[in-house]
């Protein structure tokens, strides 16, 4: 897992800008074949991030997964 200090802090999602969906790690719904959101990147406030990148939104650590969705990985707060 990426260290929290390495992940850019991106703030809260702005509904006026392009954002990829955010799911919990235990949520298998994003793997549904019915979901038609497949992209090669994740978006947060209009900025594209590569698959495997991490960002901090508030204190939540998000990881960009295949199909272009964010998955909550835990906390960005230093331990």
Protein backbone atom coordinates (compact mmCIF):
# COMPACT_ATOMS: atom_id res chain seq x y z
CA UNK A 1 0.00 0.00 0.00
CA UNK A 2 1.21 3.51 -0.73
CA UNK A 3 2.26 5.58 2.23
CA UNK A 4 -0.33 8.21 3.09
CA UNK A 5 2.17 11.05 2.70
CA UNK A 6 2.84 9.98 -0.91
CA UNK A 7 -0.80 10.27 -1.97
CA UNK A 8 -1.84 13.75 -3.14
CA UNK A 9 -4.58 15.44 -1.13
CA UNK A 10 -7.39 16.19 -3.56
CA UNK A 11 -10.11 17.53 -1.25
CA UNK A 12 -13.77 16.65 -1.52
CA UNK A 13 -15.34 15.59 -4.83
CA UNK A 14 -16.75 18.56 -6.76
CA UNK A 15 -20.04 17.51 -8.39
CA UNK A 16 -19.42 20.03 -11.19
CA UNK A 17 -16.25 18.19 -12.28
CA UNK A 18 -15.65 14.67 -13.61
CA UNK A 19 -15.30 12.09 -10.82
CA UNK A 20 -15.11 8.30 -10.97
CA UNK A 21 -17.35 6.29 -8.63
CA UNK A 22 -16.01 5.46 -5.15
CA UNK A 23 -16.62 2.03 -3.61
CA UNK A 24 -15.73 0.29 -0.36
CA UNK A 25 -13.08 -2.40 -0.64
CA UNK A 26 -15.64 -4.99 0.45
CA UNK A 27 -18.06 -3.84 -2.27
CA UNK A 28 -18.07 -6.35 -5.12
CA UNK A 29 -20.78 -4.43 -6.98
CA UNK A 30 -18.21 -2.44 -8.96
CA UNK A 31 -17.09 -5.68 -10.59
CA UNK A 32 -20.54 -6.22 -12.07
CA UNK A 33 -20.46 -6.80 -15.80
CA UNK A 34 -23.57 -4.63 -16.05
CA UNK A 35 -21.60 -1.60 -14.95
CA UNK A 36 -20.71 0.37 -18.07
CA UNK A 37 -18.08 2.77 -16.72
CA UNK A 38 -14.92 1.09 -17.92
CA UNK A 39 -12.10 3.54 -18.52
CA UNK A 40 -8.32 3.32 -18.39
CA UNK A 41 -8.06 5.89 -15.61
CA UNK A 42 -9.84 7.26 -12.55
CA UNK A 43 -10.97 10.87 -12.35
CA UNK A 44 -11.11 13.10 -9.32
CA UNK A 45 -12.27 16.70 -9.72
CA UNK A 46 -11.48 16.60 -13.44
CA UNK A 47 -7.94 15.22 -13.05
CA UNK A 48 -7.08 11.78 -14.47
CA UNK A 49 -5.12 9.28 -12.35
CA UNK A 50 -3.56 6.03 -13.58
CA UNK A 51 -4.70 2.60 -12.47
CA UNK A 52 -2.88 1.87 -9.20
CA UNK A 53 -2.56 5.53 -8.14
CA UNK A 54 -3.64 6.67 -4.67
CA UNK A 55 -5.23 9.94 -3.56
CA UNK A 56 -6.44 11.29 -0.22
CA UNK A 57 -9.93 12.76 -0.11
CA UNK A 58 -10.38 14.19 3.37
CA UNK A 59 -8.96 11.43 5.57
CA UNK A 60 -9.91 8.61 3.15
CA UNK A 61 -7.20 6.87 1.15
CA UNK A 62 -8.53 5.94 -2.31
CA UNK A 63 -6.89 3.55 -4.82
CA UNK A 64 -7.63 3.67 -8.55
CA UNK A 65 -8.74 0.21 -9.66
CA UNK A 66 -9.19 -1.38 -13.07
CA UNK A 67 -12.30 -0.19 -14.91
CA UNK A 68 -11.68 3.33 -13.60
CA UNK A 69 -13.25 3.19 -10.14
CA UNK A 70 -11.91 4.38 -6.78
CA UNK A 71 -11.77 1.88 -3.90
CA UNK A 72 -11.50 3.03 -0.27
CA UNK A 73 -8.27 1.65 1.19
CA UNK A 74 -8.41 3.12 4.69
CA UNK A 75 -7.28 6.33 6.31
CA UNK A 76 -4.79 8.95 5.15
CA UNK A 77 -4.10 10.00 8.72
CA UNK A 78 -0.57 9.25 9.89
CA UNK A 79 -0.34 6.30 12.22
